[in-house]
Amino acid sequence: MEHSLLVWLLPTLALVVGVAIGFLIARLAPNAAPNRTQRQLDDIQERFDSYQNEVVTHFNSTATLVKKLTQSYQEVQDHLAEGANRLALDEQTRQRLLASLHADAAQAPRERLTPPRNQEPPRDYAPKAPNSPGMLDEHYGLKK
């Protein structure tokens, strides 16, 4: 009986000691994998924040440039209108010049194309007259 108890007791004791040593090594050793993962996560977060800042900066500068473009366009329109008022020889010419300057704003919207009323799909054969032979008829195309 003493021999069978020893057979079971030694492996069980070795298992408990091994688990305890493994637990202590895991707790005392530097946690390399979690720290590396955390550094990678922090790096990715930093890159993402940087990208978001670049996107915001890009769209802010785009909005500023579009605003400048609109102001420049308005200044050109005003300059042309002033020139038309100042340089036109008669009232009719002045009115035509001013109308052409503002034609884009006053122009009616274009009409949309309407689909054809006949919704029949195109045929891949030639239609025939009611009382004439079809293409598969043996007398088709022969003169009498």
N, C-alpha and C. Protein backbone atom coordinates (compact mmCIF):
# COMPACT_ATOMS: atom_id res chain seq x y z
N MET A 1 0.83 -1.18 0.00
CA MET A 1 0.00 0.00 0.00
C MET A 1 0.88 1.25 0.00
N GLU A 2 1.95 1.18 0.73
CA GLU A 2 2.88 2.29 0.80
C GLU A 2 3.47 2.61 -0.57
N HIS A 3 3.68 1.61 -1.35
CA HIS A 3 4.24 1.79 -2.69
C HIS A 3 3.24 2.48 -3.63
N SER A 4 1.96 2.12 -3.58
CA SER A 4 0.96 2.74 -4.45
C SER A 4 0.69 4.19 -4.02
N LEU A 5 0.78 4.49 -2.71
CA LEU A 5 0.62 5.86 -2.25
C LEU A 5 1.76 6.72 -2.75
N LEU A 6 2.93 6.21 -2.75
CA LEU A 6 4.09 6.94 -3.25
C LEU A 6 3.99 7.20 -4.75
N VAL A 7 3.43 6.25 -5.48
CA VAL A 7 3.27 6.40 -6.93
C VAL A 7 2.32 7.54 -7.25
N TRP A 8 1.33 7.74 -6.46
CA TRP A 8 0.38 8.82 -6.71
C TRP A 8 0.80 10.13 -6.03
N LEU A 9 1.42 10.07 -4.94
CA LEU A 9 1.78 11.26 -4.19
C LEU A 9 2.90 12.06 -4.85
N LEU A 10 3.93 11.41 -5.34
CA LEU A 10 5.04 12.13 -5.97
C LEU A 10 4.62 12.90 -7.23
N PRO A 11 3.90 12.31 -8.17
CA PRO A 11 3.49 13.11 -9.33
C PRO A 11 2.54 14.25 -8.96
N THR A 12 1.66 14.01 -8.00
CA THR A 12 0.74 15.07 -7.60
C THR A 12 1.50 16.21 -6.94
N LEU A 13 2.45 15.87 -6.09
CA LEU A 13 3.26 16.89 -5.44
C LEU A 13 4.12 17.65 -6.46
N ALA A 14 4.66 16.95 -7.44
CA ALA A 14 5.45 17.59 -8.50
C ALA A 14 4.57 18.53 -9.34
N LEU A 15 3.35 18.12 -9.58
CA LEU A 15 2.42 18.97 -10.35
C LEU A 15 2.10 20.25 -9.58
N VAL A 16 1.83 20.15 -8.30
CA VAL A 16 1.50 21.32 -7.48
C VAL A 16 2.70 22.25 -7.41
N VAL A 17 3.91 21.69 -7.20
CA VAL A 17 5.12 22.51 -7.13
C VAL A 17 5.37 23.18 -8.49
N GLY A 18 5.16 22.47 -9.59
CA GLY A 18 5.35 23.03 -10.93
C GLY A 18 4.39 24.17 -11.23
N VAL A 19 3.13 24.00 -10.82
CA VAL A 19 2.14 25.06 -11.01
C VAL A 19 2.52 26.29 -10.18
N ALA A 20 2.96 26.07 -8.95
CA ALA A 20 3.34 27.20 -8.09
C ALA A 20 4.56 27.93 -8.65
N ILE A 21 5.56 27.19 -9.10
CA ILE A 21 6.75 27.83 -9.69
C ILE A 21 6.38 28.57 -10.98
N GLY A 22 5.56 27.96 -11.81
CA GLY A 22 5.11 28.64 -13.05
C GLY A 22 4.34 29.91 -12.77
N PHE A 23 3.48 29.88 -11.74
CA PHE A 23 2.72 31.07 -11.38
C PHE A 23 3.64 32.18 -10.90
N LEU A 24 4.64 31.81 -10.06
CA LEU A 24 5.58 32.81 -9.56
C LEU A 24 6.43 33.41 -10.69
N ILE A 25 6.88 32.58 -11.60
CA ILE A 25 7.67 33.09 -12.73
C ILE A 25 6.82 34.01 -13.61
N ALA A 26 5.58 33.63 -13.83
CA ALA A 26 4.70 34.47 -14.66
C ALA A 26 4.43 35.82 -14.00
N ARG A 27 4.32 35.84 -12.65
CA ARG A 27 4.05 37.10 -11.96
C ARG A 27 5.29 37.98 -11.85
N LEU A 28 6.44 37.37 -11.67
CA LEU A 28 7.66 38.15 -11.45
C LEU A 28 8.36 38.54 -12.75
N ALA A 29 8.18 37.79 -13.80
CA ALA A 29 8.85 38.09 -15.08
C ALA A 29 8.21 39.33 -15.70
N PRO A 30 9.00 40.12 -16.45
CA PRO A 30 8.41 41.30 -17.12
C PRO A 30 7.40 40.85 -18.17
N ASN A 31 6.29 41.52 -18.16
CA ASN A 31 5.20 41.17 -19.08
C ASN A 31 5.52 41.75 -20.46
N ALA A 32 6.28 41.03 -21.24
CA ALA A 32 6.74 41.54 -22.53
C ALA A 32 5.60 41.61 -23.54
N ALA A 33 4.81 40.58 -23.63
CA ALA A 33 3.75 40.56 -24.66
C ALA A 33 2.68 41.62 -24.41
N PRO A 34 2.14 41.76 -23.19
CA PRO A 34 1.13 42.80 -23.00
C PRO A 34 1.70 44.21 -23.19
N ASN A 35 2.94 44.46 -22.76
CA ASN A 35 3.52 45.79 -22.95
C ASN A 35 3.72 46.09 -24.43
N ARG A 36 4.19 45.10 -25.19
CA ARG A 36 4.40 45.31 -26.62
C ARG A 36 3.07 45.58 -27.32
N THR A 37 2.06 44.83 -26.94
CA THR A 37 0.74 45.04 -27.53
C THR A 37 0.20 46.42 -27.19
N GLN A 38 0.41 46.84 -25.95
CA GLN A 38 -0.06 48.16 -25.54
C GLN A 38 0.69 49.25 -26.30
N ARG A 39 2.01 49.08 -26.50
CA ARG A 39 2.78 50.06 -27.28
C ARG A 39 2.27 50.12 -28.72
N GLN A 40 1.98 48.96 -29.31
CA GLN A 40 1.45 48.95 -30.68
C GLN A 40 0.09 49.65 -30.73
N LEU A 41 -0.75 49.38 -29.76
CA LEU A 41 -2.06 50.02 -29.71
C LEU A 41 -1.92 51.54 -29.56
N ASP A 42 -1.00 51.98 -28.69
CA ASP A 42 -0.77 53.41 -28.52
C ASP A 42 -0.24 54.05 -29.80
N ASP A 43 0.65 53.34 -30.50
CA ASP A 43 1.19 53.85 -31.77
C ASP A 43 0.10 53.99 -32.82
N ILE A 44 -0.76 52.99 -32.91
CA ILE A 44 -1.86 53.04 -33.88
C ILE A 44 -2.82 54.17 -33.54
N GLN A 45 -3.11 54.34 -32.24
CA GLN A 45 -4.00 55.42 -31.82
C GLN A 45 -3.40 56.78 -32.15
N GLU A 46 -2.10 56.93 -31.95
CA GLU A 46 -1.41 58.18 -32.25
C GLU A 46 -1.46 58.47 -33.75
N ARG A 47 -1.23 57.46 -34.57
CA ARG A 47 -1.29 57.64 -36.03
C ARG A 47 -2.71 58.00 -36.47
N PHE A 48 -3.70 57.37 -35.86
CA PHE A 48 -5.09 57.67 -36.20
C PHE A 48 -5.46 59.10 -35.83
N ASP A 49 -5.03 59.54 -34.64
CA ASP A 49 -5.29 60.92 -34.23
C ASP A 49 -4.61 61.91 -35.17
N SER A 50 -3.39 61.60 -35.58
CA SER A 50 -2.66 62.45 -36.52
C SER A 50 -3.39 62.52 -37.86
N TYR A 51 -3.89 61.38 -38.33
CA TYR A 51 -4.63 61.35 -39.60
C TYR A 51 -5.90 62.18 -39.49
N GLN A 52 -6.61 62.06 -38.39
CA GLN A 52 -7.83 62.85 -38.21
C GLN A 52 -7.52 64.34 -38.22
N ASN A 53 -6.43 64.74 -37.58
CA ASN A 53 -6.05 66.15 -37.58
C ASN A 53 -5.71 66.63 -38.98
N GLU A 54 -5.02 65.78 -39.77
CA GLU A 54 -4.71 66.15 -41.15
C GLU A 54 -5.97 66.32 -41.98
N VAL A 55 -6.95 65.43 -41.79
CA VAL A 55 -8.21 65.53 -42.54
C VAL A 55 -8.94 66.82 -42.19
N VAL A 56 -9.01 67.15 -40.90
CA VAL A 56 -9.69 68.38 -40.48
C VAL A 56 -8.97 69.59 -41.06
N THR A 57 -7.65 69.59 -41.01
CA THR A 57 -6.87 70.70 -41.57
C THR A 57 -7.09 70.83 -43.06
N HIS A 58 -7.11 69.70 -43.76
CA HIS A 58 -7.33 69.72 -45.20
C HIS A 58 -8.68 70.34 -45.55
N PHE A 59 -9.74 69.90 -44.88
CA PHE A 59 -11.06 70.42 -45.21
C PHE A 59 -11.23 71.87 -44.78
N ASN A 60 -10.58 72.28 -43.71
CA ASN A 60 -10.63 73.70 -43.33
C ASN A 60 -9.95 74.57 -44.38
N SER A 61 -8.78 74.14 -44.86
CA SER A 61 -8.10 74.93 -45.89
C SER A 61 -8.87 74.90 -47.20
N THR A 62 -9.51 73.77 -47.52
CA THR A 62 -10.34 73.71 -48.73
C THR A 62 -11.51 74.68 -48.62
N ALA A 63 -12.15 74.74 -47.48
CA ALA A 63 -13.27 75.67 -47.29
C ALA A 63 -12.80 77.11 -47.43
N THR A 64 -11.63 77.42 -46.89
CA THR A 64 -11.09 78.77 -47.01
C THR A 64 -10.80 79.12 -48.47
N LEU A 65 -10.22 78.19 -49.19
CA LEU A 65 -9.91 78.44 -50.61
C LEU A 65 -11.17 78.60 -51.44
N VAL A 66 -12.19 77.80 -51.17
CA VAL A 66 -13.46 77.94 -51.90
C VAL A 66 -14.10 79.28 -51.59
N LYS A 67 -14.00 79.72 -50.35
CA LYS A 67 -14.55 81.04 -49.99
C LYS A 67 -13.82 82.14 -50.74
N LYS A 68 -12.48 82.05 -50.83
CA LYS A 68 -11.71 83.03 -51.59
C LYS A 68 -12.09 83.01 -53.07
N LEU A 69 -12.29 81.79 -53.61
CA LEU A 69 -12.68 81.66 -55.02
C LEU A 69 -14.04 82.31 -55.26
N THR A 70 -14.97 82.13 -54.36
CA THR A 70 -16.29 82.75 -54.50
C THR A 70 -16.18 84.26 -54.44
N GLN A 71 -15.36 84.76 -53.53
CA GLN A 71 -15.17 86.22 -53.43
C GLN A 71 -14.52 86.77 -54.70
N SER A 72 -13.54 86.05 -55.24
CA SER A 72 -12.88 86.50 -56.47
C SER A 72 -13.85 86.50 -57.63
N TYR A 73 -14.68 85.48 -57.71
CA TYR A 73 -15.69 85.42 -58.78
C TYR A 73 -16.65 86.60 -58.66
N GLN A 74 -17.07 86.90 -57.43
CA GLN A 74 -17.98 88.02 -57.23
C GLN A 74 -17.30 89.34 -57.60
N GLU A 75 -16.02 89.48 -57.28
CA GLU A 75 -15.30 90.71 -57.64
C GLU A 75 -15.19 90.85 -59.15
N VAL A 76 -14.94 89.75 -59.85
CA VAL A 76 -14.87 89.80 -61.33
C VAL A 76 -16.23 90.18 -61.90
N GLN A 77 -17.30 89.59 -61.37
CA GLN A 77 -18.66 89.93 -61.85
C GLN A 77 -18.94 91.42 -61.62
N ASP A 78 -18.59 91.93 -60.45
CA ASP A 78 -18.82 93.35 -60.15
C ASP A 78 -18.00 94.24 -61.08
N HIS A 79 -16.75 93.85 -61.33
CA HIS A 79 -15.89 94.62 -62.23
C HIS A 79 -16.46 94.67 -63.64
N LEU A 80 -16.93 93.53 -64.12
CA LEU A 80 -17.52 93.49 -65.47
C LEU A 80 -18.81 94.30 -65.55
N ALA A 81 -19.62 94.24 -64.52
CA ALA A 81 -20.86 95.01 -64.51
C ALA A 81 -20.56 96.51 -64.48
N GLU A 82 -19.58 96.90 -63.67
CA GLU A 82 -19.18 98.30 -63.61
C GLU A 82 -18.64 98.77 -64.96
N GLY A 83 -17.83 97.91 -65.61
CA GLY A 83 -17.30 98.25 -66.93
C GLY A 83 -18.40 98.36 -67.96
N ALA A 84 -19.39 97.49 -67.89
CA ALA A 84 -20.51 97.56 -68.83
C ALA A 84 -21.29 98.85 -68.63
N ASN A 85 -21.50 99.25 -67.40
CA ASN A 85 -22.22 100.49 -67.12
C ASN A 85 -21.43 101.72 -67.59
N ARG A 86 -20.13 101.68 -67.38
CA ARG A 86 -19.29 102.82 -67.69
C ARG A 86 -18.94 102.93 -69.18
N LEU A 87 -18.71 101.79 -69.82
CA LEU A 87 -18.15 101.81 -71.16
C LEU A 87 -19.16 101.60 -72.29
N ALA A 88 -20.38 101.16 -71.97
CA ALA A 88 -21.37 100.92 -73.04
C ALA A 88 -21.78 102.25 -73.66
N LEU A 89 -21.92 102.24 -74.99
CA LEU A 89 -22.22 103.48 -75.71
C LEU A 89 -23.68 103.89 -75.57
N ASP A 90 -24.59 102.96 -75.56
CA ASP A 90 -26.00 103.30 -75.43
C ASP A 90 -26.69 102.35 -74.44
N GLU A 91 -27.92 102.66 -74.12
CA GLU A 91 -28.66 101.90 -73.11
C GLU A 91 -28.92 100.46 -73.56
N GLN A 92 -29.20 100.25 -74.83
CA GLN A 92 -29.50 98.91 -75.33
C GLN A 92 -28.26 97.99 -75.21
N THR A 93 -27.11 98.51 -75.56
CA THR A 93 -25.87 97.74 -75.44
C THR A 93 -25.58 97.44 -73.97
N ARG A 94 -25.79 98.43 -73.12
CA ARG A 94 -25.56 98.24 -71.69
C ARG A 94 -26.46 97.13 -71.14
N GLN A 95 -27.73 97.15 -71.53
CA GLN A 95 -28.67 96.14 -71.06
C GLN A 95 -28.29 94.74 -71.54
N ARG A 96 -27.84 94.65 -72.79
CA ARG A 96 -27.41 93.35 -73.33
C ARG A 96 -26.19 92.83 -72.60
N LEU A 97 -25.22 93.69 -72.32
CA LEU A 97 -24.01 93.27 -71.60
C LEU A 97 -24.35 92.80 -70.18
N LEU A 98 -25.21 93.58 -69.50
CA LEU A 98 -25.59 93.20 -68.15
C LEU A 98 -26.40 91.90 -68.14
N ALA A 99 -27.23 91.71 -69.15
CA ALA A 99 -28.02 90.48 -69.24
C ALA A 99 -27.11 89.28 -69.48
N SER A 100 -26.08 89.47 -70.30
CA SER A 100 -25.17 88.34 -70.56
C SER A 100 -24.33 88.01 -69.33
N LEU A 101 -24.04 89.00 -68.48
CA LEU A 101 -23.30 88.74 -67.25
C LEU A 101 -24.12 87.92 -66.26
N HIS A 102 -25.40 88.17 -66.22
CA HIS A 102 -26.26 87.50 -65.26
C HIS A 102 -27.08 86.39 -65.91
N ALA A 103 -26.67 85.94 -67.08
CA ALA A 103 -27.42 84.90 -67.79
C ALA A 103 -27.37 83.57 -67.05
N ASP A 104 -26.24 83.29 -66.39
CA ASP A 104 -26.13 82.01 -65.68
C ASP A 104 -27.12 81.94 -64.53
N ALA A 105 -27.28 83.03 -63.81
CA ALA A 105 -28.17 83.01 -62.65
C ALA A 105 -29.64 83.00 -63.07
N ALA A 106 -29.95 83.71 -64.15
CA ALA A 106 -31.34 83.84 -64.57
C ALA A 106 -31.76 82.73 -65.52
N GLN A 107 -30.82 81.92 -65.97
CA GLN A 107 -31.14 80.88 -66.94
C GLN A 107 -32.05 79.83 -66.30
N ALA A 108 -33.08 79.46 -67.04
CA ALA A 108 -34.01 78.46 -66.53
C ALA A 108 -33.31 77.10 -66.48
N PRO A 109 -33.69 76.29 -65.53
CA PRO A 109 -33.07 74.96 -65.47
C PRO A 109 -33.40 74.15 -66.72
N ARG A 110 -32.47 73.33 -67.11
CA ARG A 110 -32.66 72.52 -68.30
C ARG A 110 -33.75 71.48 -68.06
N GLU A 111 -34.46 71.17 -69.12
CA GLU A 111 -35.48 70.14 -69.01
C GLU A 111 -34.82 68.78 -69.04
N ARG A 112 -35.37 67.88 -68.29
CA ARG A 112 -34.86 66.52 -68.27
C ARG A 112 -35.38 65.78 -69.50
N LEU A 113 -34.58 64.90 -69.99
CA LEU A 113 -35.01 64.06 -71.09
C LEU A 113 -36.05 63.08 -70.60
N THR A 114 -37.10 62.92 -71.39
CA THR A 114 -38.14 61.97 -71.01
C THR A 114 -37.92 60.67 -71.77
N PRO A 115 -38.17 59.55 -71.12
CA PRO A 115 -38.00 58.28 -71.83
C PRO A 115 -39.05 58.14 -72.92
N PRO A 116 -38.78 57.33 -73.92
CA PRO A 116 -39.75 57.16 -75.00
C PRO A 116 -41.04 56.57 -74.45
N ARG A 117 -42.14 56.93 -75.10
CA ARG A 117 -43.44 56.45 -74.63
C ARG A 117 -43.62 54.97 -74.90
N ASN A 118 -43.03 54.50 -75.99
CA ASN A 118 -43.14 53.09 -76.33
C ASN A 118 -42.09 52.32 -75.53
N GLN A 119 -42.53 51.52 -74.59
CA GLN A 119 -41.61 50.82 -73.71
C GLN A 119 -41.25 49.43 -74.23
N GLU A 120 -41.53 49.14 -75.49
CA GLU A 120 -41.23 47.83 -76.05
C GLU A 120 -39.72 47.70 -76.27
N PRO A 121 -39.12 46.60 -75.84
CA PRO A 121 -37.68 46.44 -76.03
C PRO A 121 -37.35 46.25 -77.51
N PRO A 122 -36.13 46.54 -77.91
CA PRO A 122 -35.76 46.36 -79.31
C PRO A 122 -35.78 44.88 -79.69
N ARG A 123 -36.11 44.64 -80.93
CA ARG A 123 -36.19 43.25 -81.41
C ARG A 123 -34.87 42.86 -82.04
N ASP A 124 -34.56 41.58 -81.99
CA ASP A 124 -33.36 41.09 -82.64
C ASP A 124 -33.67 40.41 -83.97
N TYR A 125 -34.83 40.73 -84.54
CA TYR A 125 -35.24 40.20 -85.84
C TYR A 125 -36.03 41.28 -86.56
N ALA A 126 -36.18 41.09 -87.87
CA ALA A 126 -36.94 42.07 -88.66
C ALA A 126 -38.42 41.71 -88.60
N PRO A 127 -39.27 42.68 -88.29
CA PRO A 127 -40.71 42.37 -88.29
C PRO A 127 -41.21 42.14 -89.72
N LYS A 128 -42.27 41.38 -89.83
CA LYS A 128 -42.82 41.10 -91.17
C LYS A 128 -44.23 41.63 -91.27
N ALA A 129 -44.66 41.81 -92.49
CA ALA A 129 -46.03 42.24 -92.75
C ALA A 129 -46.98 41.08 -92.43
N PRO A 130 -48.24 41.37 -92.14
CA PRO A 130 -49.16 40.32 -91.69
C PRO A 130 -49.32 39.13 -92.66
N ASN A 131 -49.45 39.34 -93.95
CA ASN A 131 -49.72 38.24 -94.88
C ASN A 131 -48.51 37.87 -95.72
N SER A 132 -47.32 38.22 -95.32
CA SER A 132 -46.13 37.87 -96.08
C SER A 132 -45.40 36.73 -95.38
N PRO A 133 -44.61 35.96 -96.14
CA PRO A 133 -43.90 34.85 -95.51
C PRO A 133 -42.76 35.35 -94.62
N GLY A 134 -42.49 34.62 -93.56
CA GLY A 134 -41.40 34.98 -92.67
C GLY A 134 -40.06 34.53 -93.22
N MET A 135 -38.96 34.87 -92.57
CA MET A 135 -37.62 34.54 -93.05
C MET A 135 -37.38 33.03 -93.08
N LEU A 136 -38.06 32.27 -92.27
CA LEU A 136 -37.83 30.83 -92.22
C LEU A 136 -38.71 30.07 -93.23
N ASP A 137 -39.56 30.78 -93.90
CA ASP A 137 -40.39 30.14 -94.92
C ASP A 137 -39.53 29.75 -96.11
N GLU A 138 -39.81 28.60 -96.73
CA GLU A 138 -38.98 28.14 -97.86
C GLU A 138 -39.11 29.00 -99.10
N HIS A 139 -40.16 29.78 -99.21
CA HIS A 139 -40.36 30.66 -100.38
C HIS A 139 -39.93 32.10 -100.10
N TYR A 140 -39.32 32.34 -98.95
CA TYR A 140 -38.94 33.70 -98.59
C TYR A 140 -37.83 34.20 -99.53
N GLY A 141 -38.01 35.39 -100.06
CA GLY A 141 -37.01 36.03 -100.90
C GLY A 141 -37.02 35.57 -102.34
N LEU A 142 -37.81 34.58 -102.68
CA LEU A 142 -37.87 34.12 -104.08
C LEU A 142 -38.94 34.89 -104.82
N LYS A 143 -38.60 35.25 -106.06
CA LYS A 143 -39.59 35.95 -106.87
C LYS A 143 -40.43 34.94 -107.62
N LYS A 144 -41.70 35.22 -107.78
CA LYS A 144 -42.60 34.30 -108.44
C LYS A 144 -42.62 34.47 -109.92
